[in-house]
Amino acid sequence: MDVNEVIIEKLNKLETLLVSSVKQILTVEDLINYTGFSRSYIYKLVHKNILPYSKPNGKTLFFQKNEIDSFLLQNKSVSNAQLTQKAFDYVSKSK
């Protein structure tokens, strides 16, 4: 690949990411670009009803971006600093 092809490829990728970040309703392709998940993993999550989706016409899958964000941020782990602060707050309240 020459330099121009590389630049065009990167510009296309940036354009795709920009469009996905603005949209509130995502298709499977948008979701692949937004999350980095593979197509098969997305379909697996949909099949197991783990990932929230809509299928208004019985064929095409659509996803709400805010629901995807909530899904991605679930099961948050607490850092050591946050855990230490919680313990300190608990001990302080007990006195």
PDB file of N, CA and C in Angstrom:
ATOM      1  N   MET A   1       0.837  -1.183   0.000  1.00  0.00           N
ATOM      2  CA  MET A   1       0.000   0.000   0.000  1.00  0.00           C
ATOM      3  C   MET A   1       0.877   1.240   0.000  1.00  0.00           C
ATOM      4  N   ASP A   2       0.499   2.191  -0.813  1.00  0.00           N
ATOM      5  CA  ASP A   2       1.263   3.433  -0.798  1.00  0.00           C
ATOM      6  C   ASP A   2       0.678   4.375   0.254  1.00  0.00           C
ATOM      7  N   VAL A   3       1.326   5.487   0.443  1.00  0.00           N
ATOM      8  CA  VAL A   3       0.965   6.438   1.491  1.00  0.00           C
ATOM      9  C   VAL A   3      -0.458   6.961   1.305  1.00  0.00           C
ATOM     10  N   ASN A   4      -0.849   7.254   0.073  1.00  0.00           N
ATOM     11  CA  ASN A   4      -2.197   7.775  -0.179  1.00  0.00           C
ATOM     12  C   ASN A   4      -3.277   6.775   0.217  1.00  0.00           C
ATOM     13  N   GLU A   5      -3.060   5.506  -0.073  1.00  0.00           N
ATOM     14  CA  GLU A   5      -4.034   4.482   0.295  1.00  0.00           C
ATOM     15  C   GLU A   5      -4.161   4.361   1.804  1.00  0.00           C
ATOM     16  N   VAL A   6      -3.048   4.454   2.507  1.00  0.00           N
ATOM     17  CA  VAL A   6      -3.059   4.385   3.968  1.00  0.00           C
ATOM     18  C   VAL A   6      -3.824   5.570   4.542  1.00  0.00           C
ATOM     19  N   ILE A   7      -3.576   6.754   4.009  1.00  0.00           N
ATOM     20  CA  ILE A   7      -4.265   7.959   4.482  1.00  0.00           C
ATOM     21  C   ILE A   7      -5.762   7.849   4.230  1.00  0.00           C
ATOM     22  N   ILE A   8      -6.148   7.401   3.047  1.00  0.00           N
ATOM     23  CA  ILE A   8      -7.569   7.254   2.717  1.00  0.00           C
ATOM     24  C   ILE A   8      -8.230   6.224   3.633  1.00  0.00           C
ATOM     25  N   GLU A   9      -7.545   5.129   3.888  1.00  0.00           N
ATOM     26  CA  GLU A   9      -8.085   4.095   4.774  1.00  0.00           C
ATOM     27  C   GLU A   9      -8.301   4.640   6.184  1.00  0.00           C
ATOM     28  N   LYS A  10      -7.333   5.398   6.686  1.00  0.00           N
ATOM     29  CA  LYS A  10      -7.453   5.974   8.030  1.00  0.00           C
ATOM     30  C   LYS A  10      -8.556   7.027   8.086  1.00  0.00           C
ATOM     31  N   LEU A  11      -8.697   7.822   7.037  1.00  0.00           N
ATOM     32  CA  LEU A  11      -9.777   8.809   6.987  1.00  0.00           C
ATOM     33  C   LEU A  11     -11.143   8.129   6.979  1.00  0.00           C
ATOM     34  N   ASN A  12     -11.266   7.047   6.231  1.00  0.00           N
ATOM     35  CA  ASN A  12     -12.525   6.302   6.209  1.00  0.00           C
ATOM     36  C   ASN A  12     -12.859   5.733   7.583  1.00  0.00           C
ATOM     37  N   LYS A  13     -11.857   5.220   8.269  1.00  0.00           N
ATOM     38  CA  LYS A  13     -12.055   4.683   9.618  1.00  0.00           C
ATOM     39  C   LYS A  13     -12.490   5.791  10.571  1.00  0.00           C
ATOM     40  N   LEU A  14     -11.839   6.952  10.497  1.00  0.00           N
ATOM     41  CA  LEU A  14     -12.217   8.090  11.337  1.00  0.00           C
ATOM     42  C   LEU A  14     -13.642   8.547  11.057  1.00  0.00           C
ATOM     43  N   GLU A  15     -14.011   8.586   9.788  1.00  0.00           N
ATOM     44  CA  GLU A  15     -15.367   8.995   9.416  1.00  0.00           C
ATOM     45  C   GLU A  15     -16.398   8.023   9.988  1.00  0.00           C
ATOM     46  N   THR A  16     -16.112   6.743   9.900  1.00  0.00           N
ATOM     47  CA  THR A  16     -17.014   5.727  10.435  1.00  0.00           C
ATOM     48  C   THR A  16     -17.170   5.876  11.941  1.00  0.00           C
ATOM     49  N   LEU A  17     -16.067   6.086  12.642  1.00  0.00           N
ATOM     50  CA  LEU A  17     -16.119   6.262  14.093  1.00  0.00           C
ATOM     51  C   LEU A  17     -16.865   7.530  14.479  1.00  0.00           C
ATOM     52  N   LEU A  18     -16.674   8.587  13.724  1.00  0.00           N
ATOM     53  CA  LEU A  18     -17.352   9.849  14.003  1.00  0.00           C
ATOM     54  C   LEU A  18     -18.857   9.714  13.826  1.00  0.00           C
ATOM     55  N   VAL A  19     -19.279   9.080  12.758  1.00  0.00           N
ATOM     56  CA  VAL A  19     -20.707   8.879  12.505  1.00  0.00           C
ATOM     57  C   VAL A  19     -21.313   8.013  13.610  1.00  0.00           C
ATOM     58  N   SER A  20     -20.609   6.961  14.016  1.00  0.00           N
ATOM     59  CA  SER A  20     -21.109   6.075  15.071  1.00  0.00           C
ATOM     60  C   SER A  20     -21.224   6.796  16.406  1.00  0.00           C
ATOM     61  N   SER A  21     -20.336   7.728  16.669  1.00  0.00           N
ATOM     62  CA  SER A  21     -20.373   8.422  17.955  1.00  0.00           C
ATOM     63  C   SER A  21     -21.524   9.413  18.042  1.00  0.00           C
ATOM     64  N   VAL A  22     -22.033   9.883  16.914  1.00  0.00           N
ATOM     65  CA  VAL A  22     -23.125  10.861  16.896  1.00  0.00           C
ATOM     66  C   VAL A  22     -24.487  10.172  16.914  1.00  0.00           C
ATOM     67  N   LYS A  23     -24.591   9.019  16.286  1.00  0.00           N
ATOM     68  CA  LYS A  23     -25.864   8.313  16.170  1.00  0.00           C
ATOM     69  C   LYS A  23     -26.340   7.801  17.526  1.00  0.00           C
ATOM     70  N   GLN A  24     -27.647   7.829  17.743  1.00  0.00           N
ATOM     71  CA  GLN A  24     -28.230   7.288  18.970  1.00  0.00           C
ATOM     72  C   GLN A  24     -28.770   5.872  18.766  1.00  0.00           C
ATOM     73  N   ILE A  25     -29.116   5.547  17.531  1.00  0.00           N
ATOM     74  CA  ILE A  25     -29.577   4.210  17.177  1.00  0.00           C
ATOM     75  C   ILE A  25     -28.510   3.580  16.288  1.00  0.00           C
ATOM     76  N   LEU A  26     -28.017   2.417  16.693  1.00  0.00           N
ATOM     77  CA  LEU A  26     -26.910   1.771  15.998  1.00  0.00           C
ATOM     78  C   LEU A  26     -27.352   0.480  15.321  1.00  0.00           C
ATOM     79  N   THR A  27     -26.758   0.198  14.179  1.00  0.00           N
ATOM     80  CA  THR A  27     -26.931  -1.089  13.511  1.00  0.00           C
ATOM     81  C   THR A  27     -25.826  -2.025  13.992  1.00  0.00           C
ATOM     82  N   VAL A  28     -25.836  -3.243  13.522  1.00  0.00           N
ATOM     83  CA  VAL A  28     -24.780  -4.190  13.893  1.00  0.00           C
ATOM     84  C   VAL A  28     -23.420  -3.657  13.450  1.00  0.00           C
ATOM     85  N   GLU A  29     -23.350  -3.128  12.225  1.00  0.00           N
ATOM     86  CA  GLU A  29     -22.080  -2.566  11.728  1.00  0.00           C
ATOM     87  C   GLU A  29     -21.607  -1.416  12.613  1.00  0.00           C
ATOM     88  N   ASP A  30     -22.535  -0.528  12.988  1.00  0.00           N
ATOM     89  CA  ASP A  30     -22.185   0.588  13.868  1.00  0.00           C
ATOM     90  C   ASP A  30     -21.681   0.066  15.209  1.00  0.00           C
ATOM     91  N   LEU A  31     -22.355  -0.964  15.714  1.00  0.00           N
ATOM     92  CA  LEU A  31     -21.989  -1.530  17.006  1.00  0.00           C
ATOM     93  C   LEU A  31     -20.606  -2.180  16.965  1.00  0.00           C
ATOM     94  N   ILE A  32     -20.287  -2.813  15.865  1.00  0.00           N
ATOM     95  CA  ILE A  32     -18.949  -3.394  15.689  1.00  0.00           C
ATOM     96  C   ILE A  32     -17.894  -2.293  15.784  1.00  0.00           C
ATOM     97  N   ASN A  33     -18.136  -1.185  15.092  1.00  0.00           N
ATOM     98  CA  ASN A  33     -17.184  -0.070  15.118  1.00  0.00           C
ATOM     99  C   ASN A  33     -17.150   0.617  16.476  1.00  0.00           C
ATOM    100  N   TYR A  34     -18.298   0.717  17.125  1.00  0.00           N
ATOM    101  CA  TYR A  34     -18.398   1.430  18.404  1.00  0.00           C
ATOM    102  C   TYR A  34     -17.741   0.651  19.546  1.00  0.00           C
ATOM    103  N   THR A  35     -17.973  -0.668  19.591  1.00  0.00           N
ATOM    104  CA  THR A  35     -17.481  -1.464  20.716  1.00  0.00           C
ATOM    105  C   THR A  35     -16.199  -2.228  20.419  1.00  0.00           C
ATOM    106  N   GLY A  36     -15.964  -2.518  19.151  1.00  0.00           N
ATOM    107  CA  GLY A  36     -14.831  -3.361  18.803  1.00  0.00           C
ATOM    108  C   GLY A  36     -15.155  -4.843  18.911  1.00  0.00           C
ATOM    109  N   PHE A  37     -16.416  -5.175  19.259  1.00  0.00           N
ATOM    110  CA  PHE A  37     -16.839  -6.570  19.333  1.00  0.00           C
ATOM    111  C   PHE A  37     -16.910  -7.149  17.928  1.00  0.00           C
ATOM    112  N   SER A  38     -16.709  -8.438  17.818  1.00  0.00           N
ATOM    113  CA  SER A  38     -16.866  -9.099  16.522  1.00  0.00           C
ATOM    114  C   SER A  38     -18.355  -9.298  16.233  1.00  0.00           C
ATOM    115  N   ARG A  39     -18.675  -9.482  14.976  1.00  0.00           N
ATOM    116  CA  ARG A  39     -20.063  -9.700  14.560  1.00  0.00           C
ATOM    117  C   ARG A  39     -20.634 -10.946  15.265  1.00  0.00           C
ATOM    118  N   SER A  40     -19.846 -12.014  15.305  1.00  0.00           N
ATOM    119  CA  SER A  40     -20.338 -13.254  15.918  1.00  0.00           C
ATOM    120  C   SER A  40     -20.588 -13.077  17.415  1.00  0.00           C
ATOM    121  N   TYR A  41     -19.751 -12.304  18.098  1.00  0.00           N
ATOM    122  CA  TYR A  41     -19.944 -12.070  19.529  1.00  0.00           C
ATOM    123  C   TYR A  41     -21.216 -11.250  19.770  1.00  0.00           C
ATOM    124  N   ILE A  42     -21.475 -10.257  18.924  1.00  0.00           N
ATOM    125  CA  ILE A  42     -22.700  -9.460  19.050  1.00  0.00           C
ATOM    126  C   ILE A  42     -23.924 -10.358  18.874  1.00  0.00           C
ATOM    127  N   TYR A  43     -23.915 -11.195  17.838  1.00  0.00           N
ATOM    128  CA  TYR A  43     -25.045 -12.101  17.615  1.00  0.00           C
ATOM    129  C   TYR A  43     -25.204 -13.099  18.761  1.00  0.00           C
ATOM    130  N   LYS A  44     -24.095 -13.522  19.347  1.00  0.00           N
ATOM    131  CA  LYS A  44     -24.151 -14.430  20.497  1.00  0.00           C
ATOM    132  C   LYS A  44     -24.824 -13.740  21.683  1.00  0.00           C
ATOM    133  N   LEU A  45     -24.447 -12.485  21.954  1.00  0.00           N
ATOM    134  CA  LEU A  45     -25.053 -11.725  23.051  1.00  0.00           C
ATOM    135  C   LEU A  45     -26.536 -11.482  22.800  1.00  0.00           C
ATOM    136  N   VAL A  46     -26.898 -11.221  21.552  1.00  0.00           N
ATOM    137  CA  VAL A  46     -28.305 -11.019  21.194  1.00  0.00           C
ATOM    138  C   VAL A  46     -29.076 -12.326  21.380  1.00  0.00           C
ATOM    139  N   HIS A  47     -28.520 -13.421  20.899  1.00  0.00           N
ATOM    140  CA  HIS A  47     -29.177 -14.728  20.994  1.00  0.00           C
ATOM    141  C   HIS A  47     -29.452 -15.109  22.448  1.00  0.00           C
ATOM    142  N   LYS A  48     -28.525 -14.786  23.339  1.00  0.00           N
ATOM    143  CA  LYS A  48     -28.676 -15.105  24.759  1.00  0.00           C
ATOM    144  C   LYS A  48     -29.458 -14.030  25.517  1.00  0.00           C
ATOM    145  N   ASN A  49     -29.976 -13.031  24.797  1.00  0.00           N
ATOM    146  CA  ASN A  49     -30.719 -11.908  25.395  1.00  0.00           C
ATOM    147  C   ASN A  49     -29.913 -11.186  26.469  1.00  0.00           C
ATOM    148  N   ILE A  50     -28.629 -11.079  26.262  1.00  0.00           N
ATOM    149  CA  ILE A  50     -27.743 -10.357  27.172  1.00  0.00           C
ATOM    150  C   ILE A  50     -27.640  -8.901  26.742  1.00  0.00           C
ATOM    151  N   LEU A  51     -27.633  -8.682  25.453  1.00  0.00           N
ATOM    152  CA  LEU A  51     -27.496  -7.342  24.879  1.00  0.00           C
ATOM    153  C   LEU A  51     -28.878  -6.827  24.484  1.00  0.00           C
ATOM    154  N   PRO A  52     -29.280  -5.644  24.990  1.00  0.00           N
ATOM    155  CA  PRO A  52     -30.601  -5.115  24.630  1.00  0.00           C
ATOM    156  C   PRO A  52     -30.645  -4.684  23.163  1.00  0.00           C
ATOM    157  N   TYR A  53     -31.715  -5.056  22.477  1.00  0.00           N
ATOM    158  CA  TYR A  53     -31.832  -4.747  21.053  1.00  0.00           C
ATOM    159  C   TYR A  53     -33.294  -4.596  20.663  1.00  0.00           C
ATOM    160  N   SER A  54     -33.512  -4.052  19.477  1.00  0.00           N
ATOM    161  CA  SER A  54     -34.842  -3.967  18.873  1.00  0.00           C
ATOM    162  C   SER A  54     -34.765  -4.602  17.498  1.00  0.00           C
ATOM    163  N   LYS A  55     -35.877  -5.180  17.090  1.00  0.00           N
ATOM    164  CA  LYS A  55     -35.949  -5.828  15.782  1.00  0.00           C
ATOM    165  C   LYS A  55     -37.318  -5.492  15.183  1.00  0.00           C
ATOM    166  N   PRO A  56     -37.516  -4.203  14.806  1.00  0.00           N
ATOM    167  CA  PRO A  56     -38.853  -3.739  14.420  1.00  0.00           C
ATOM    168  C   PRO A  56     -39.433  -4.389  13.175  1.00  0.00           C
ATOM    169  N   ASN A  57     -38.624  -4.742  12.225  1.00  0.00           N
ATOM    170  CA  ASN A  57     -39.145  -5.323  10.990  1.00  0.00           C
ATOM    171  C   ASN A  57     -38.931  -6.833  10.926  1.00  0.00           C
ATOM    172  N   GLY A  58     -38.503  -7.412  12.042  1.00  0.00           N
ATOM    173  CA  GLY A  58     -38.292  -8.848  12.085  1.00  0.00           C
ATOM    174  C   GLY A  58     -36.999  -9.316  11.456  1.00  0.00           C
ATOM    175  N   LYS A  59     -36.183  -8.406  10.980  1.00  0.00           N
ATOM    176  CA  LYS A  59     -34.947  -8.803  10.305  1.00  0.00           C
ATOM    177  C   LYS A  59     -33.738  -8.035  10.829  1.00  0.00           C
ATOM    178  N   THR A  60     -33.767  -6.726  10.722  1.00  0.00           N
ATOM    179  CA  THR A  60     -32.619  -5.888  11.061  1.00  0.00           C
ATOM    180  C   THR A  60     -32.588  -5.586  12.557  1.00  0.00           C
ATOM    181  N   LEU A  61     -31.404  -5.731  13.155  1.00  0.00           N
ATOM    182  CA  LEU A  61     -31.218  -5.427  14.573  1.00  0.00           C
ATOM    183  C   LEU A  61     -30.813  -3.972  14.749  1.00  0.00           C
ATOM    184  N   PHE A  62     -31.385  -3.337  15.780  1.00  0.00           N
ATOM    185  CA  PHE A  62     -31.016  -1.978  16.145  1.00  0.00           C
ATOM    186  C   PHE A  62     -30.727  -1.939  17.639  1.00  0.00           C
ATOM    187  N   PHE A  63     -29.817  -1.063  18.015  1.00  0.00           N
ATOM    188  CA  PHE A  63     -29.392  -0.940  19.400  1.00  0.00           C
ATOM    189  C   PHE A  63     -29.410   0.528  19.801  1.00  0.00           C
ATOM    190  N   GLN A  64     -29.895   0.822  21.019  1.00  0.00           N
ATOM    191  CA  GLN A  64     -29.844   2.193  21.528  1.00  0.00           C
ATOM    192  C   GLN A  64     -28.479   2.408  22.167  1.00  0.00           C
ATOM    193  N   LYS A  65     -27.854   3.497  21.785  1.00  0.00           N
ATOM    194  CA  LYS A  65     -26.489   3.763  22.243  1.00  0.00           C
ATOM    195  C   LYS A  65     -26.414   3.857  23.767  1.00  0.00           C
ATOM    196  N   ASN A  66     -27.402   4.520  24.394  1.00  0.00           N
ATOM    197  CA  ASN A  66     -27.351   4.666  25.855  1.00  0.00           C
ATOM    198  C   ASN A  66     -27.488   3.312  26.556  1.00  0.00           C
ATOM    199  N   GLU A  67     -28.273   2.383  25.984  1.00  0.00           N
ATOM    200  CA  GLU A  67     -28.380   1.042  26.561  1.00  0.00           C
ATOM    201  C   GLU A  67     -27.078   0.261  26.379  1.00  0.00           C
ATOM    202  N   ILE A  68     -26.425   0.468  25.253  1.00  0.00           N
ATOM    203  CA  ILE A  68     -25.134  -0.192  25.009  1.00  0.00           C
ATOM    204  C   ILE A  68     -24.094   0.340  25.990  1.00  0.00           C
ATOM    205  N   ASP A  69     -24.102   1.663  26.210  1.00  0.00           N
ATOM    206  CA  ASP A  69     -23.172   2.251  27.176  1.00  0.00           C
ATOM    207  C   ASP A  69     -23.398   1.666  28.568  1.00  0.00           C
ATOM    208  N   SER A  70     -24.662   1.538  28.973  1.00  0.00           N
ATOM    209  CA  SER A  70     -24.975   0.943  30.277  1.00  0.00           C
ATOM    210  C   SER A  70     -24.488  -0.501  30.350  1.00  0.00           C
ATOM    211  N   PHE A  71     -24.702  -1.240  29.271  1.00  0.00           N
ATOM    212  CA  PHE A  71     -24.236  -2.626  29.215  1.00  0.00           C
ATOM    213  C   PHE A  71     -22.717  -2.692  29.359  1.00  0.00           C
ATOM    214  N   LEU A  72     -22.018  -1.822  28.651  1.00  0.00           N
ATOM    215  CA  LEU A  72     -20.555  -1.836  28.680  1.00  0.00           C
ATOM    216  C   LEU A  72     -19.999  -1.456  30.050  1.00  0.00           C
ATOM    217  N   LEU A  73     -20.747  -0.646  30.800  1.00  0.00           N
ATOM    218  CA  LEU A  73     -20.249  -0.162  32.086  1.00  0.00           C
ATOM    219  C   LEU A  73     -20.766  -0.954  33.284  1.00  0.00           C
ATOM    220  N   GLN A  74     -21.522  -2.027  33.037  1.00  0.00           N
ATOM    221  CA  GLN A  74     -22.023  -2.819  34.161  1.00  0.00           C
ATOM    222  C   GLN A  74     -20.901  -3.661  34.754  1.00  0.00           C
ATOM    223  N   ASN A  75     -21.124  -4.160  35.944  1.00  0.00           N
ATOM    224  CA  ASN A  75     -20.144  -4.982  36.671  1.00  0.00           C
ATOM    225  C   ASN A  75     -18.827  -4.244  36.881  1.00  0.00           C
ATOM    226  N   LYS A  76     -18.948  -2.994  37.243  1.00  0.00           N
ATOM    227  CA  LYS A  76     -17.769  -2.162  37.465  1.00  0.00           C
ATOM    228  C   LYS A  76     -17.003  -2.668  38.685  1.00  0.00           C
ATOM    229  N   SER A  77     -15.699  -2.731  38.565  1.00  0.00           N
ATOM    230  CA  SER A  77     -14.886  -3.149  39.696  1.00  0.00           C
ATOM    231  C   SER A  77     -14.377  -1.906  40.430  1.00  0.00           C
ATOM    232  N   VAL A  78     -14.201  -2.048  41.721  1.00  0.00           N
ATOM    233  CA  VAL A  78     -13.782  -0.933  42.568  1.00  0.00           C
ATOM    234  C   VAL A  78     -12.261  -0.956  42.690  1.00  0.00           C
ATOM    235  N   SER A  79     -11.645   0.214  42.570  1.00  0.00           N
ATOM    236  CA  SER A  79     -10.188   0.295  42.710  1.00  0.00           C
ATOM    237  C   SER A  79      -9.800   0.161  44.183  1.00  0.00           C
ATOM    238  N   ASN A  80      -8.546  -0.112  44.428  1.00  0.00           N
ATOM    239  CA  ASN A  80      -8.059  -0.229  45.806  1.00  0.00           C
ATOM    240  C   ASN A  80      -8.265   1.067  46.574  1.00  0.00           C
ATOM    241  N   ALA A  81      -8.046   2.196  45.929  1.00  0.00           N
ATOM    242  CA  ALA A  81      -8.225   3.487  46.595  1.00  0.00           C
ATOM    243  C   ALA A  81      -9.687   3.693  46.990  1.00  0.00           C
ATOM    244  N   GLN A  82     -10.618   3.338  46.103  1.00  0.00           N
ATOM    245  CA  GLN A  82     -12.040   3.478  46.418  1.00  0.00           C
ATOM    246  C   GLN A  82     -12.439   2.533  47.547  1.00  0.00           C
ATOM    247  N   LEU A  83     -11.903   1.326  47.526  1.00  0.00           N
ATOM    248  CA  LEU A  83     -12.202   0.351  48.565  1.00  0.00           C
ATOM    249  C   LEU A  83     -11.666   0.816  49.920  1.00  0.00           C
ATOM    250  N   THR A  84     -10.468   1.364  49.923  1.00  0.00           N
ATOM    251  CA  THR A  84      -9.884   1.904  51.152  1.00  0.00           C
ATOM    252  C   THR A  84     -10.726   3.055  51.683  1.00  0.00           C
ATOM    253  N   GLN A  85     -11.193   3.932  50.796  1.00  0.00           N
ATOM    254  CA  GLN A  85     -12.024   5.062  51.205  1.00  0.00           C
ATOM    255  C   GLN A  85     -13.354   4.580  51.787  1.00  0.00           C
ATOM    256  N   LYS A  86     -13.956   3.569  51.175  1.00  0.00           N
ATOM    257  CA  LYS A  86     -15.214   3.018  51.695  1.00  0.00           C
ATOM    258  C   LYS A  86     -15.004   2.437  53.090  1.00  0.00           C
ATOM    259  N   ALA A  87     -13.902   1.725  53.276  1.00  0.00           N
ATOM    260  CA  ALA A  87     -13.601   1.143  54.584  1.00  0.00           C
ATOM    261  C   ALA A  87     -13.384   2.242  55.617  1.00  0.00           C
ATOM    262  N   PHE A  88     -12.655   3.270  55.235  1.00  0.00           N
ATOM    263  CA  PHE A  88     -12.412   4.396  56.139  1.00  0.00           C
ATOM    264  C   PHE A  88     -13.725   5.075  56.512  1.00  0.00           C
ATOM    265  N   ASP A  89     -14.591   5.312  55.527  1.00  0.00           N
ATOM    266  CA  ASP A  89     -15.892   5.941  55.785  1.00  0.00           C
ATOM    267  C   ASP A  89     -16.747   5.078  56.706  1.00  0.00           C
ATOM    268  N   TYR A  90     -16.726   3.773  56.504  1.00  0.00           N
ATOM    269  CA  TYR A  90     -17.516   2.859  57.328  1.00  0.00           C
ATOM    270  C   TYR A  90     -17.028   2.883  58.774  1.00  0.00           C
ATOM    271  N   VAL A  91     -15.700   2.839  58.955  1.00  0.00           N
ATOM    272  CA  VAL A  91     -15.131   2.853  60.304  1.00  0.00           C
ATOM    273  C   VAL A  91     -15.408   4.192  60.975  1.00  0.00           C
ATOM    274  N   SER A  92     -15.336   5.276  60.217  1.00  0.00           N
ATOM    275  CA  SER A  92     -15.587   6.609  60.772  1.00  0.00           C
ATOM    276  C   SER A  92     -17.031   6.752  61.239  1.00  0.00           C
ATOM    277  N   LYS A  93     -17.977   6.183  60.510  1.00  0.00           N
ATOM    278  CA  LYS A  93     -19.394   6.255  60.882  1.00  0.00           C
ATOM    279  C   LYS A  93     -19.695   5.401  62.101  1.00  0.00           C
ATOM    280  N   SER A  94     -18.946   4.331  62.284  1.00  0.00           N
ATOM    281  CA  SER A  94     -19.190   3.395  63.385  1.00  0.00           C
ATOM    282  C   SER A  94     -18.809   3.977  64.735  1.00  0.00           C
ATOM    283  N   LYS A  95     -17.951   4.966  64.754  1.00  0.00           N
ATOM    284  CA  LYS A  95     -17.467   5.535  66.025  1.00  0.00           C
ATOM    285  C   LYS A  95     -18.460   6.455  66.646  1.00  0.00           C
TER     286      LYS A  95
END
